[in-house]
Amino acid sequence: MKKIVIILFVLFSLNTFAQEKLGLMIIAHGSPAKQWNQPVLDLENQVKQLFDEKKITKFDEVRVALMEFTEPSIASVIKDFEDKGITKVFALPLFIAPSGHSIYDIPAILGLYYDQEMIDELEEEGIKIVDTKIKITVGPTLDYENVMKGILLDKVNNLSDNPAEEALILLAHGDKNFKPIWEKLTNETGNYILGKTGIEYFDKAYVGVGQSFAVDGVNPILKASENKKKVIIVGMYLSMGVKNMAENSGIIMLGRTMESKKMFEGKNIVFAEHGLLPDKRIAEWIVDRAVEWLKNYSL
């Protein structure tokens, strides 16, 4: 009798595992501007292609979801997963480093974290909170294994022609509630680039995607231009380029708006045109994280 029970239990377990359907959800912040969303949305097909090349067949669905502003939203992607019978999801937040968005907002949207004040704020922004029976695991942010170092190094190399006479300025979001993590990440990345290029001058500024560029970003850049003949600026932003940021920001001085780019006139200051995307290494990083999760899940 015991043998029969054990056999039935094993068969039931194997059948349950066989019925599991896995989904990979790649979550980015989202923007009202289509040009900033498209490089993120393109990751969906890039990851699927890499899965095919590497013969990774465990994931039944791969989708990109945007936290706010536009579709596909997190809630709508989860609904699609439900309709397709997905039972377990690996949700990977494409954020630079831990912040309020990755630690609190996304888990709250996914129904994994409860804070009524936060829920109210999210709903006021038009973000729907997920209510699902799907089992969800939230993965790490991009600082894990720091895929950004190599991408930013290439951007600096493309803009550099005489490292001994150049300065490097790294711009990043920053989150004052996670300052030690952001300080470690930016310093590690900056020093890595210095070691690979021979540039000796490095500084950084925390700029919230353009809103504070004129206030927080301009001074370190101008200071660097006083010490070096050329200043190279790159940014730790997923799709926003620092060139666009600099050209579309300003500061009110004596009642007039002073454009940031005018402050740099006559100086040899160059900005990276694109953010981290498009770059195949982001899709490769996503696939690597998904494979790690599969190994642990298979145990």
Protein backbone atom coordinates (compact mmCIF):
# COMPACT_ATOMS: atom_id res chain seq x y z
CA MET A 1 0.00 0.00 0.00
CA LYS A 2 2.83 2.42 0.92
CA LYS A 3 4.53 1.73 -2.43
CA ILE A 4 1.30 2.54 -4.28
CA VAL A 5 0.92 5.82 -2.37
CA ILE A 6 4.54 6.78 -3.07
CA ILE A 7 4.18 5.97 -6.78
CA LEU A 8 0.97 7.97 -7.01
CA PHE A 9 2.61 10.93 -5.23
CA VAL A 10 5.61 10.85 -7.60
CA LEU A 11 3.36 10.62 -10.65
CA PHE A 12 1.25 13.51 -9.34
CA SER A 13 4.37 15.60 -8.70
CA LEU A 14 5.82 14.90 -12.13
CA ASN A 15 2.50 15.70 -13.76
CA THR A 16 2.22 18.96 -11.82
CA PHE A 17 5.76 19.98 -12.83
CA ALA A 18 5.02 19.06 -16.45
CA GLN A 19 2.00 21.33 -16.38
CA GLU A 20 4.01 24.28 -15.10
CA LYS A 21 4.29 26.99 -17.73
CA LEU A 22 6.98 29.61 -17.25
CA GLY A 23 6.97 33.25 -18.26
CA LEU A 24 9.77 35.83 -18.36
CA MET A 25 8.65 39.42 -17.81
CA ILE A 26 11.19 42.18 -18.50
CA ILE A 27 10.08 45.33 -16.63
CA ALA A 28 11.25 48.84 -17.49
CA HIS A 29 10.07 52.21 -16.19
CA GLY A 30 8.39 53.44 -19.36
CA SER A 31 8.18 56.92 -20.83
CA PRO A 32 5.54 59.13 -22.49
CA ALA A 33 7.98 59.37 -25.44
CA LYS A 34 7.84 56.48 -27.90
CA GLN A 35 11.51 56.83 -28.88
CA TRP A 36 12.62 55.98 -25.33
CA ASN A 37 10.28 52.97 -25.06
CA GLN A 38 11.11 51.35 -28.39
CA PRO A 39 14.67 50.19 -27.54
CA VAL A 40 13.22 48.49 -24.45
CA LEU A 41 10.36 46.88 -26.38
CA ASP A 42 12.88 45.59 -28.91
CA LEU A 43 14.47 43.51 -26.15
CA GLU A 44 11.54 41.09 -26.30
CA ASN A 45 12.50 39.72 -29.72
CA GLN A 46 16.22 39.95 -28.95
CA VAL A 47 15.81 37.74 -25.87
CA LYS A 48 13.62 35.28 -27.77
CA GLN A 49 16.26 35.04 -30.47
CA LEU A 50 18.98 34.37 -27.90
CA PHE A 51 16.82 31.69 -26.30
CA ASP A 52 16.51 30.03 -29.70
CA GLU A 53 20.25 30.29 -30.37
CA LYS A 54 21.09 28.84 -26.96
CA LYS A 55 18.28 26.24 -27.23
CA ILE A 56 16.63 27.45 -24.02
CA THR A 57 13.08 26.14 -24.25
CA LYS A 58 11.83 26.36 -20.68
CA PHE A 59 10.08 29.73 -21.07
CA ASP A 60 6.69 29.52 -22.73
CA GLU A 61 6.29 33.30 -22.93
CA VAL A 62 8.69 36.28 -22.96
CA ARG A 63 7.25 39.77 -22.62
CA VAL A 64 8.37 43.34 -21.94
CA ALA A 65 6.21 45.37 -19.54
CA LEU A 66 6.38 49.09 -18.73
CA MET A 67 5.79 50.27 -15.18
CA GLU A 68 3.96 53.47 -16.12
CA PHE A 69 2.87 55.92 -18.83
CA THR A 70 1.96 53.41 -21.53
CA GLU A 71 1.19 49.87 -22.60
CA PRO A 72 2.11 47.10 -22.35
CA SER A 73 1.67 47.57 -18.60
CA ILE A 74 2.66 45.08 -15.93
CA ALA A 75 -0.99 44.30 -15.26
CA SER A 76 -1.84 43.71 -18.92
CA VAL A 77 1.15 41.40 -19.41
CA ILE A 78 0.20 39.38 -16.32
CA LYS A 79 -3.36 39.13 -17.70
CA ASP A 80 -1.95 37.79 -20.98
CA PHE A 81 0.14 35.29 -19.03
CA GLU A 82 -2.99 34.13 -17.19
CA ASP A 83 -4.89 33.72 -20.47
CA LYS A 84 -2.04 31.57 -21.82
CA GLY A 85 -1.88 29.37 -18.74
CA ILE A 86 1.42 30.64 -17.34
CA THR A 87 1.85 29.41 -13.76
CA LYS A 88 5.20 30.90 -12.71
CA VAL A 89 6.90 34.15 -13.76
CA PHE A 90 10.43 35.49 -13.43
CA ALA A 91 10.04 39.29 -13.34
CA LEU A 92 13.28 41.08 -14.15
CA PRO A 93 13.37 44.84 -13.39
CA LEU A 94 15.57 46.69 -15.90
CA PHE A 95 16.56 49.42 -13.48
CA ILE A 96 20.14 50.57 -13.02
CA ALA A 97 20.41 49.76 -9.29
CA PRO A 98 18.14 49.24 -6.29
CA SER A 99 15.77 52.17 -5.78
CA GLY A 100 12.25 52.90 -4.62
CA HIS A 101 10.95 51.63 -7.97
CA SER A 102 12.66 48.24 -7.85
CA ILE A 103 12.39 47.59 -4.10
CA TYR A 104 8.88 48.90 -3.42
CA ASP A 105 6.88 50.00 -6.49
CA ILE A 106 7.30 46.92 -8.67
CA PRO A 107 6.65 44.38 -5.87
CA ALA A 108 3.60 46.46 -4.87
CA ILE A 109 2.29 46.49 -8.46
CA LEU A 110 2.82 42.73 -8.64
CA GLY A 111 0.86 42.23 -5.41
CA LEU A 112 3.94 41.05 -3.52
CA TYR A 113 4.23 44.03 -1.18
CA TYR A 114 1.52 45.96 0.64
CA ASP A 115 1.62 49.57 1.75
CA GLN A 116 -1.71 51.37 1.49
CA GLU A 117 -0.20 54.81 1.02
CA MET A 118 2.00 53.48 -1.78
CA ILE A 119 -0.90 51.61 -3.38
CA ASP A 120 -2.97 54.79 -3.34
CA GLU A 121 -0.15 56.75 -4.98
CA LEU A 122 0.33 54.14 -7.69
CA GLU A 123 -3.38 54.02 -8.45
CA GLU A 124 -3.53 57.83 -8.59
CA GLU A 125 -0.87 57.60 -11.30
CA GLY A 126 -3.13 55.22 -13.21
CA ILE A 127 -1.09 52.11 -12.43
CA LYS A 128 -3.18 48.98 -11.95
CA ILE A 129 -2.26 46.64 -9.09
CA VAL A 130 -2.01 42.97 -10.06
CA ASP A 131 -4.21 40.32 -8.45
CA THR A 132 -3.10 36.91 -9.71
CA LYS A 133 -2.54 33.31 -8.66
CA ILE A 134 0.63 33.14 -10.76
CA LYS A 135 3.76 32.57 -8.68
CA ILE A 136 6.12 35.48 -9.23
CA THR A 137 9.83 35.84 -8.50
CA VAL A 138 11.41 39.30 -8.81
CA GLY A 139 15.00 39.33 -10.07
CA PRO A 140 17.94 41.74 -9.61
CA THR A 141 18.66 45.14 -11.16
CA LEU A 142 21.40 45.88 -13.71
CA ASP A 143 24.08 46.50 -11.07
CA TYR A 144 24.13 42.73 -10.52
CA GLU A 145 27.21 41.56 -12.49
CA ASN A 146 27.40 45.21 -13.71
CA VAL A 147 26.86 44.69 -17.43
CA MET A 148 27.05 48.49 -17.77
CA LYS A 149 30.85 48.74 -17.38
CA GLY A 150 31.63 47.31 -20.79
CA ILE A 151 28.88 49.25 -22.56
CA LEU A 152 29.97 52.59 -21.08
CA LEU A 153 33.64 51.82 -21.74
CA ASP A 154 32.85 51.43 -25.44
CA LYS A 155 30.98 54.76 -25.46
CA VAL A 156 33.96 56.51 -23.87
CA ASN A 157 36.39 54.92 -26.31
CA ASN A 158 34.25 56.11 -29.22
CA LEU A 159 34.46 59.71 -27.95
CA SER A 160 38.08 59.68 -26.75
CA ASP A 161 41.14 60.65 -28.78
CA ASN A 162 43.72 61.77 -26.18
CA PRO A 163 43.03 60.26 -22.74
CA ALA A 164 45.79 62.22 -20.97
CA GLU A 165 43.99 65.48 -21.74
CA GLU A 166 40.45 64.25 -21.08
CA ALA A 167 38.04 64.11 -18.17
CA LEU A 168 35.24 61.59 -17.65
CA ILE A 169 31.89 62.58 -16.11
CA LEU A 170 29.42 59.81 -15.32
CA LEU A 171 25.77 60.77 -14.88
CA ALA A 172 23.31 58.45 -13.13
CA HIS A 173 19.89 58.51 -11.54
CA GLY A 174 20.98 58.04 -7.96
CA ASP A 175 18.53 57.42 -5.13
CA LYS A 176 19.29 59.17 -1.83
CA ASN A 177 17.64 56.31 0.07
CA PHE A 178 20.15 53.87 -1.46
CA LYS A 179 23.15 56.20 -1.63
CA PRO A 180 25.87 53.68 -0.56
CA ILE A 181 24.84 51.31 -3.36
CA TRP A 182 24.83 54.06 -5.99
CA GLU A 183 28.16 55.46 -4.77
CA LYS A 184 29.76 52.02 -4.99
CA LEU A 185 28.30 51.39 -8.44
CA THR A 186 29.30 54.72 -10.00
CA ASN A 187 32.79 54.69 -8.46
CA GLU A 188 33.39 51.09 -9.52
CA THR A 189 32.23 51.83 -13.07
CA GLY A 190 34.15 55.08 -13.36
CA ASN A 191 37.39 53.58 -12.04
CA TYR A 192 37.01 50.60 -14.36
CA ILE A 193 36.81 52.97 -17.36
CA LEU A 194 39.82 54.96 -16.11
CA GLY A 195 41.86 51.79 -15.82
CA LYS A 196 40.96 50.69 -19.33
CA THR A 197 41.42 54.05 -21.08
CA GLY A 198 44.18 55.93 -19.29
CA ILE A 199 41.89 58.86 -18.48
CA GLU A 200 42.87 60.17 -15.04
CA TYR A 201 40.15 62.70 -14.19
CA PHE A 202 36.79 61.29 -13.09
CA ASP A 203 33.72 62.83 -11.48
CA LYS A 204 30.03 61.97 -11.30
CA ALA A 205 26.64 63.57 -10.77
CA TYR A 206 23.22 62.21 -9.94
CA VAL A 207 20.68 63.56 -12.39
CA GLY A 208 17.06 62.40 -12.58
CA VAL A 209 16.67 61.92 -16.36
CA GLY A 210 17.06 65.58 -17.22
CA GLN A 211 14.89 67.18 -14.56
CA SER A 212 17.93 68.21 -12.54
CA PHE A 213 20.65 68.29 -15.20
CA ALA A 214 21.14 72.07 -15.07
CA VAL A 215 21.22 72.06 -11.28
CA ASP A 216 23.25 68.91 -10.55
CA GLY A 217 25.06 68.08 -13.78
CA VAL A 218 26.42 71.37 -15.11
CA ASN A 219 28.83 72.29 -12.30
CA PRO A 220 30.90 69.06 -12.34
CA ILE A 221 31.14 69.33 -16.13
CA LEU A 222 32.30 72.95 -16.07
CA LYS A 223 34.78 72.18 -13.28
CA ALA A 224 36.22 69.33 -15.35
CA SER A 225 36.57 71.64 -18.38
CA GLU A 226 38.78 73.93 -16.28
CA ASN A 227 41.16 71.05 -15.59
CA LYS A 228 41.17 69.16 -18.88
CA LYS A 229 41.03 70.12 -22.55
CA LYS A 230 38.15 67.74 -23.29
CA VAL A 231 35.27 66.44 -21.18
CA ILE A 232 33.45 63.19 -22.04
CA ILE A 233 29.99 62.66 -20.52
CA VAL A 234 28.25 59.27 -20.48
CA GLY A 235 25.13 58.24 -18.61
CA MET A 236 23.85 55.22 -16.71
CA TYR A 237 20.37 55.44 -18.21
CA LEU A 238 18.59 52.61 -19.95
CA SER A 239 17.42 54.44 -23.07
CA MET A 240 17.87 58.17 -22.41
CA GLY A 241 21.01 59.67 -23.96
CA VAL A 242 22.87 62.40 -22.05
CA LYS A 243 23.25 64.44 -25.24
CA ASN A 244 19.49 64.88 -25.47
CA MET A 245 19.37 65.58 -21.75
CA ALA A 246 21.90 68.40 -22.05
CA GLU A 247 20.27 69.95 -25.11
CA ASN A 248 16.81 70.06 -23.58
CA SER A 249 17.37 71.41 -20.09
CA GLY A 250 17.92 74.82 -18.58
CA ILE A 251 18.08 76.77 -15.36
CA ILE A 252 16.28 79.95 -14.39
CA MET A 253 18.83 82.70 -13.70
CA LEU A 254 17.72 86.26 -12.84
CA GLY A 255 14.25 85.52 -14.11
CA ARG A 256 15.46 84.14 -17.46
CA THR A 257 15.91 80.56 -18.59
CA MET A 258 19.53 79.81 -19.35
CA GLU A 259 19.89 76.74 -21.58
CA SER A 260 22.47 74.25 -20.34
CA LYS A 261 24.07 73.87 -23.76
CA LYS A 262 24.85 77.59 -23.88
CA MET A 263 26.87 77.21 -20.69
CA PHE A 264 29.18 74.85 -22.59
CA GLU A 265 29.79 77.08 -25.61
CA GLY A 266 33.45 77.43 -26.51
CA LYS A 267 34.40 74.34 -24.50
CA ASN A 268 35.33 70.90 -25.78
CA ILE A 269 32.53 68.95 -24.13
CA VAL A 270 31.09 65.85 -25.79
CA PHE A 271 28.06 63.79 -24.81
CA ALA A 272 27.17 60.16 -25.52
CA GLU A 273 24.19 60.17 -27.85
CA HIS A 274 22.48 57.02 -26.56
CA GLY A 275 21.78 55.36 -23.24
CA LEU A 276 22.71 51.74 -22.51
CA LEU A 277 20.35 50.66 -25.27
CA PRO A 278 20.53 49.62 -27.98
CA ASP A 279 23.22 47.10 -27.06
CA LYS A 280 23.07 43.31 -27.34
CA ARG A 281 24.80 42.91 -23.97
CA ILE A 282 21.61 43.95 -22.16
CA ALA A 283 19.67 41.12 -23.83
CA GLU A 284 22.51 38.73 -23.01
CA TRP A 285 22.43 39.85 -19.37
CA ILE A 286 18.68 39.17 -19.26
CA VAL A 287 19.17 35.68 -20.68
CA ASP A 288 21.95 34.94 -18.18
CA ARG A 289 19.72 35.96 -15.26
CA ALA A 290 16.84 33.86 -16.62
CA VAL A 291 19.11 30.81 -16.91
CA GLU A 292 20.33 31.32 -13.33
CA TRP A 293 16.73 31.39 -12.15
CA LEU A 294 15.88 28.27 -14.13
CA LYS A 295 18.73 26.37 -12.46
CA ASN A 296 17.49 27.30 -8.99
CA TYR A 297 13.88 26.64 -9.95
CA SER A 298 14.77 23.21 -11.33
CA LEU A 299 16.21 22.23 -7.96
